Amino acid sequence: MKRSGILNAELSGALATLGHTDLLLVVDAGFPIPRDAHRIDLAVAENLPDLRTVLGLIADELVVEGVVRAEDVPSHNPRLDAWLQERFPDAEFTTRPHAEVLGELAREAKVVVRTGAFEPWGNIGLFCGVDAPRWFGGEGVIVPESYASKL
């Protein structure tokens, strides 16, 4: 039996397929997931599981380089935005129009994880990064400027 972390076999396996710059979307219960997307549906009931729990568990297993959310989040759901900023302090934050999150961004995602969240604008994209100290820590390796600050 797996000792810790994400126990859901499909989600755990999908996370293992992600590489640098891949996009994972964690979405609310009402998100229109594209028909051909790699969908992992965790929703059981209203807010079960909730968005923050799922994002937090995923964040414990991934290096997150970027967070993208609808441009409405900072002004219309500031508590969620503050939580995201606290949970992903080293990530670059961007916004997109809500319609793009529902359309273009959803089609770009390698994996879409549906939660039971009933939360306005509760659709968050995570761009995978690399563990810079481990990746560039080898003897004789020249660290690119873009990663030097992460060492």
C-alpha atoms as a PDB file:
ATOM      1  CA  MET A   1       0.000   0.000   0.000  1.00  0.00           C
ATOM      2  CA  LYS A   2       1.192   3.495  -0.787  1.00  0.00           C
ATOM      3  CA  ARG A   3       2.321   5.201   2.413  1.00  0.00           C
ATOM      4  CA  SER A   4       1.465   8.843   1.755  1.00  0.00           C
ATOM      5  CA  GLY A   5       0.581  11.481  -0.783  1.00  0.00           C
ATOM      6  CA  ILE A   6      -2.152  11.100  -3.358  1.00  0.00           C
ATOM      7  CA  LEU A   7      -3.805   7.694  -3.101  1.00  0.00           C
ATOM      8  CA  ASN A   8      -6.069   8.012  -6.147  1.00  0.00           C
ATOM      9  CA  ALA A   9      -4.333   5.746  -8.667  1.00  0.00           C
ATOM     10  CA  GLU A  10      -5.411   7.656 -11.773  1.00  0.00           C
ATOM     11  CA  LEU A  11      -4.381  11.043 -10.375  1.00  0.00           C
ATOM     12  CA  SER A  12      -1.096   9.748  -8.983  1.00  0.00           C
ATOM     13  CA  GLY A  13      -0.267   8.152 -12.336  1.00  0.00           C
ATOM     14  CA  ALA A  14      -1.212  11.272 -14.298  1.00  0.00           C
ATOM     15  CA  LEU A  15       1.037  13.456 -12.144  1.00  0.00           C
ATOM     16  CA  ALA A  16       3.932  11.139 -12.933  1.00  0.00           C
ATOM     17  CA  THR A  17       3.470  11.873 -16.665  1.00  0.00           C
ATOM     18  CA  LEU A  18       3.894  15.632 -16.293  1.00  0.00           C
ATOM     19  CA  GLY A  19       7.072  17.350 -17.380  1.00  0.00           C
ATOM     20  CA  HIS A  20       8.500  20.856 -17.513  1.00  0.00           C
ATOM     21  CA  THR A  21       5.966  23.394 -18.877  1.00  0.00           C
ATOM     22  CA  ASP A  22       3.075  20.895 -18.922  1.00  0.00           C
ATOM     23  CA  LEU A  23      -0.239  22.357 -17.792  1.00  0.00           C
ATOM     24  CA  LEU A  24      -2.535  20.712 -15.239  1.00  0.00           C
ATOM     25  CA  LEU A  25      -5.959  22.246 -14.577  1.00  0.00           C
ATOM     26  CA  VAL A  26      -7.744  21.772 -11.263  1.00  0.00           C
ATOM     27  CA  VAL A  27     -11.345  22.809 -11.792  1.00  0.00           C
ATOM     28  CA  ASP A  28     -14.649  23.230 -10.013  1.00  0.00           C
ATOM     29  CA  ALA A  29     -17.672  20.963 -10.303  1.00  0.00           C
ATOM     30  CA  GLY A  30     -19.258  22.959 -13.120  1.00  0.00           C
ATOM     31  CA  PHE A  31     -16.270  23.295 -15.441  1.00  0.00           C
ATOM     32  CA  PRO A  32     -17.000  22.356 -19.084  1.00  0.00           C
ATOM     33  CA  ILE A  33     -14.194  19.815 -19.589  1.00  0.00           C
ATOM     34  CA  PRO A  34     -13.453  19.222 -23.275  1.00  0.00           C
ATOM     35  CA  ARG A  35     -14.670  15.855 -24.542  1.00  0.00           C
ATOM     36  CA  ASP A  36     -11.180  14.697 -25.530  1.00  0.00           C
ATOM     37  CA  ALA A  37      -9.344  15.904 -22.407  1.00  0.00           C
ATOM     38  CA  HIS A  38      -7.584  13.559 -19.990  1.00  0.00           C
ATOM     39  CA  ARG A  39     -10.228  13.977 -17.298  1.00  0.00           C
ATOM     40  CA  ILE A  40      -9.758  12.819 -13.736  1.00  0.00           C
ATOM     41  CA  ASP A  41     -13.071  13.235 -11.955  1.00  0.00           C
ATOM     42  CA  LEU A  42     -12.746  13.349  -8.168  1.00  0.00           C
ATOM     43  CA  ALA A  43     -16.119  15.033  -7.529  1.00  0.00           C
ATOM     44  CA  VAL A  44     -18.318  13.143  -5.069  1.00  0.00           C
ATOM     45  CA  ALA A  45     -20.688  15.828  -3.752  1.00  0.00           C
ATOM     46  CA  GLU A  46     -20.805  19.594  -3.241  1.00  0.00           C
ATOM     47  CA  ASN A  47     -17.331  20.695  -2.090  1.00  0.00           C
ATOM     48  CA  LEU A  48     -16.195  17.101  -1.730  1.00  0.00           C
ATOM     49  CA  PRO A  49     -13.341  17.251  -2.358  1.00  0.00           C
ATOM     50  CA  ASP A  50     -12.842  20.999  -2.202  1.00  0.00           C
ATOM     51  CA  LEU A  51     -10.523  22.934  -4.491  1.00  0.00           C
ATOM     52  CA  ARG A  52      -7.895  23.915  -1.909  1.00  0.00           C
ATOM     53  CA  THR A  53      -7.462  20.370  -0.615  1.00  0.00           C
ATOM     54  CA  VAL A  54      -6.864  18.992  -4.101  1.00  0.00           C
ATOM     55  CA  LEU A  55      -4.548  21.858  -5.097  1.00  0.00           C
ATOM     56  CA  GLY A  56      -2.588  21.460  -1.863  1.00  0.00           C
ATOM     57  CA  LEU A  57      -2.105  17.720  -2.319  1.00  0.00           C
ATOM     58  CA  ILE A  58      -1.029  18.186  -5.925  1.00  0.00           C
ATOM     59  CA  ALA A  59       1.342  21.003  -4.934  1.00  0.00           C
ATOM     60  CA  ASP A  60       3.037  18.647  -2.478  1.00  0.00           C
ATOM     61  CA  GLU A  61       3.943  16.357  -5.385  1.00  0.00           C
ATOM     62  CA  LEU A  62       4.759  18.783  -8.220  1.00  0.00           C
ATOM     63  CA  VAL A  63       7.193  21.601  -8.832  1.00  0.00           C
ATOM     64  CA  VAL A  64       4.892  24.466  -9.850  1.00  0.00           C
ATOM     65  CA  GLU A  65       6.532  27.167 -11.930  1.00  0.00           C
ATOM     66  CA  GLY A  66       3.412  29.081 -12.903  1.00  0.00           C
ATOM     67  CA  VAL A  67      -0.175  29.582 -11.783  1.00  0.00           C
ATOM     68  CA  VAL A  68      -2.841  30.838 -14.148  1.00  0.00           C
ATOM     69  CA  ARG A  69      -6.344  31.826 -13.156  1.00  0.00           C
ATOM     70  CA  ALA A  70      -9.209  33.852 -14.588  1.00  0.00           C
ATOM     71  CA  GLU A  71      -8.661  37.588 -14.475  1.00  0.00           C
ATOM     72  CA  ASP A  72     -11.744  37.794 -12.227  1.00  0.00           C
ATOM     73  CA  VAL A  73     -10.120  35.851  -9.385  1.00  0.00           C
ATOM     74  CA  PRO A  74      -8.062  38.671  -7.778  1.00  0.00           C
ATOM     75  CA  SER A  75     -11.053  41.042  -7.640  1.00  0.00           C
ATOM     76  CA  HIS A  76     -14.022  38.648  -7.357  1.00  0.00           C
ATOM     77  CA  ASN A  77     -12.565  35.861  -5.204  1.00  0.00           C
ATOM     78  CA  PRO A  78      -9.719  37.561  -3.317  1.00  0.00           C
ATOM     79  CA  ARG A  79      -9.617  34.902  -0.584  1.00  0.00           C
ATOM     80  CA  LEU A  80      -8.846  32.243  -3.180  1.00  0.00           C
ATOM     81  CA  ASP A  81      -6.248  34.502  -4.784  1.00  0.00           C
ATOM     82  CA  ALA A  82      -4.550  35.153  -1.428  1.00  0.00           C
ATOM     83  CA  TRP A  83      -4.516  31.418  -0.679  1.00  0.00           C
ATOM     84  CA  LEU A  84      -2.942  30.698  -4.076  1.00  0.00           C
ATOM     85  CA  GLN A  85      -0.272  33.365  -3.548  1.00  0.00           C
ATOM     86  CA  GLU A  86       0.553  31.860  -0.149  1.00  0.00           C
ATOM     87  CA  ARG A  87       0.528  28.237  -1.353  1.00  0.00           C
ATOM     88  CA  PHE A  88       2.638  28.899  -4.451  1.00  0.00           C
ATOM     89  CA  PRO A  89       5.057  31.647  -3.319  1.00  0.00           C
ATOM     90  CA  ASP A  90       7.735  30.884  -5.916  1.00  0.00           C
ATOM     91  CA  ALA A  91       5.397  30.626  -8.908  1.00  0.00           C
ATOM     92  CA  GLU A  92       4.815  33.235 -11.575  1.00  0.00           C
ATOM     93  CA  PHE A  93       1.159  34.316 -11.532  1.00  0.00           C
ATOM     94  CA  THR A  94      -0.797  35.224 -14.649  1.00  0.00           C
ATOM     95  CA  THR A  95      -4.423  35.798 -15.527  1.00  0.00           C
ATOM     96  CA  ARG A  96      -6.496  35.063 -18.600  1.00  0.00           C
ATOM     97  CA  PRO A  97     -10.046  36.070 -19.548  1.00  0.00           C
ATOM     98  CA  HIS A  98     -12.551  33.647 -18.024  1.00  0.00           C
ATOM     99  CA  ALA A  99     -13.703  32.527 -21.484  1.00  0.00           C
ATOM    100  CA  GLU A 100     -10.104  31.552 -22.367  1.00  0.00           C
ATOM    101  CA  VAL A 101      -9.788  29.490 -19.177  1.00  0.00           C
ATOM    102  CA  LEU A 102     -12.968  27.622 -20.137  1.00  0.00           C
ATOM    103  CA  GLY A 103     -11.889  27.165 -23.754  1.00  0.00           C
ATOM    104  CA  GLU A 104      -8.324  27.569 -24.977  1.00  0.00           C
ATOM    105  CA  LEU A 105      -6.610  26.808 -21.666  1.00  0.00           C
ATOM    106  CA  ALA A 106      -8.751  23.711 -21.112  1.00  0.00           C
ATOM    107  CA  ARG A 107      -7.736  22.387 -24.538  1.00  0.00           C
ATOM    108  CA  GLU A 108      -4.033  23.036 -23.776  1.00  0.00           C
ATOM    109  CA  ALA A 109      -4.076  21.130 -20.474  1.00  0.00           C
ATOM    110  CA  LYS A 110      -2.416  17.738 -20.394  1.00  0.00           C
ATOM    111  CA  VAL A 111      -4.664  16.744 -17.474  1.00  0.00           C
ATOM    112  CA  VAL A 112      -7.907  18.235 -16.097  1.00  0.00           C
ATOM    113  CA  VAL A 113      -8.801  17.328 -12.507  1.00  0.00           C
ATOM    114  CA  ARG A 114     -12.446  17.957 -11.564  1.00  0.00           C
ATOM    115  CA  THR A 115     -13.171  18.613  -7.905  1.00  0.00           C
ATOM    116  CA  GLY A 116     -16.506  18.922  -6.144  1.00  0.00           C
ATOM    117  CA  ALA A 117     -15.847  22.629  -5.557  1.00  0.00           C
ATOM    118  CA  PHE A 118     -18.764  25.014  -5.672  1.00  0.00           C
ATOM    119  CA  GLU A 119     -16.514  28.072  -5.773  1.00  0.00           C
ATOM    120  CA  PRO A 120     -16.716  31.053  -8.140  1.00  0.00           C
ATOM    121  CA  TRP A 121     -13.803  31.108 -10.593  1.00  0.00           C
ATOM    122  CA  GLY A 122     -12.433  27.954  -8.968  1.00  0.00           C
ATOM    123  CA  ASN A 123     -10.469  26.855 -12.024  1.00  0.00           C
ATOM    124  CA  ILE A 124      -6.710  26.987 -11.571  1.00  0.00           C
ATOM    125  CA  GLY A 125      -3.943  26.079 -13.999  1.00  0.00           C
ATOM    126  CA  LEU A 126      -0.571  24.855 -12.747  1.00  0.00           C
ATOM    127  CA  PHE A 127       2.451  24.916 -15.041  1.00  0.00           C
ATOM    128  CA  CYS A 128       5.047  22.351 -14.070  1.00  0.00           C
ATOM    129  CA  GLY A 129       8.607  23.395 -13.417  1.00  0.00           C
ATOM    130  CA  VAL A 130      11.829  21.682 -12.443  1.00  0.00           C
ATOM    131  CA  ASP A 131      13.552  21.315  -9.089  1.00  0.00           C
ATOM    132  CA  ALA A 132      16.395  23.668 -10.039  1.00  0.00           C
ATOM    133  CA  PRO A 133      18.828  22.759  -7.219  1.00  0.00           C
ATOM    134  CA  ARG A 134      18.534  19.045  -8.025  1.00  0.00           C
ATOM    135  CA  TRP A 135      18.449  19.515 -11.787  1.00  0.00           C
ATOM    136  CA  PHE A 136      21.352  21.937 -12.086  1.00  0.00           C
ATOM    137  CA  GLY A 137      23.292  20.872  -8.990  1.00  0.00           C
ATOM    138  CA  GLY A 138      25.723  18.544 -10.730  1.00  0.00           C
ATOM    139  CA  GLU A 139      29.417  19.256 -10.725  1.00  0.00           C
ATOM    140  CA  GLY A 140      30.501  21.252 -13.753  1.00  0.00           C
ATOM    141  CA  VAL A 141      26.924  22.148 -14.783  1.00  0.00           C
ATOM    142  CA  ILE A 142      26.442  25.728 -15.905  1.00  0.00           C
ATOM    143  CA  VAL A 143      23.187  27.102 -14.556  1.00  0.00           C
ATOM    144  CA  PRO A 144      21.149  29.235 -16.985  1.00  0.00           C
ATOM    145  CA  GLU A 145      20.467  32.769 -15.719  1.00  0.00           C
ATOM    146  CA  SER A 146      16.738  32.081 -15.630  1.00  0.00           C
ATOM    147  CA  TYR A 147      17.304  29.391 -12.989  1.00  0.00           C
ATOM    148  CA  ALA A 148      20.137  30.968 -11.007  1.00  0.00           C
ATOM    149  CA  SER A 149      17.739  32.734  -8.638  1.00  0.00           C
ATOM    150  CA  LYS A 150      16.040  29.413  -7.845  1.00  0.00           C
ATOM    151  CA  LEU A 151      19.215  27.738  -6.581  1.00  0.00           C
END
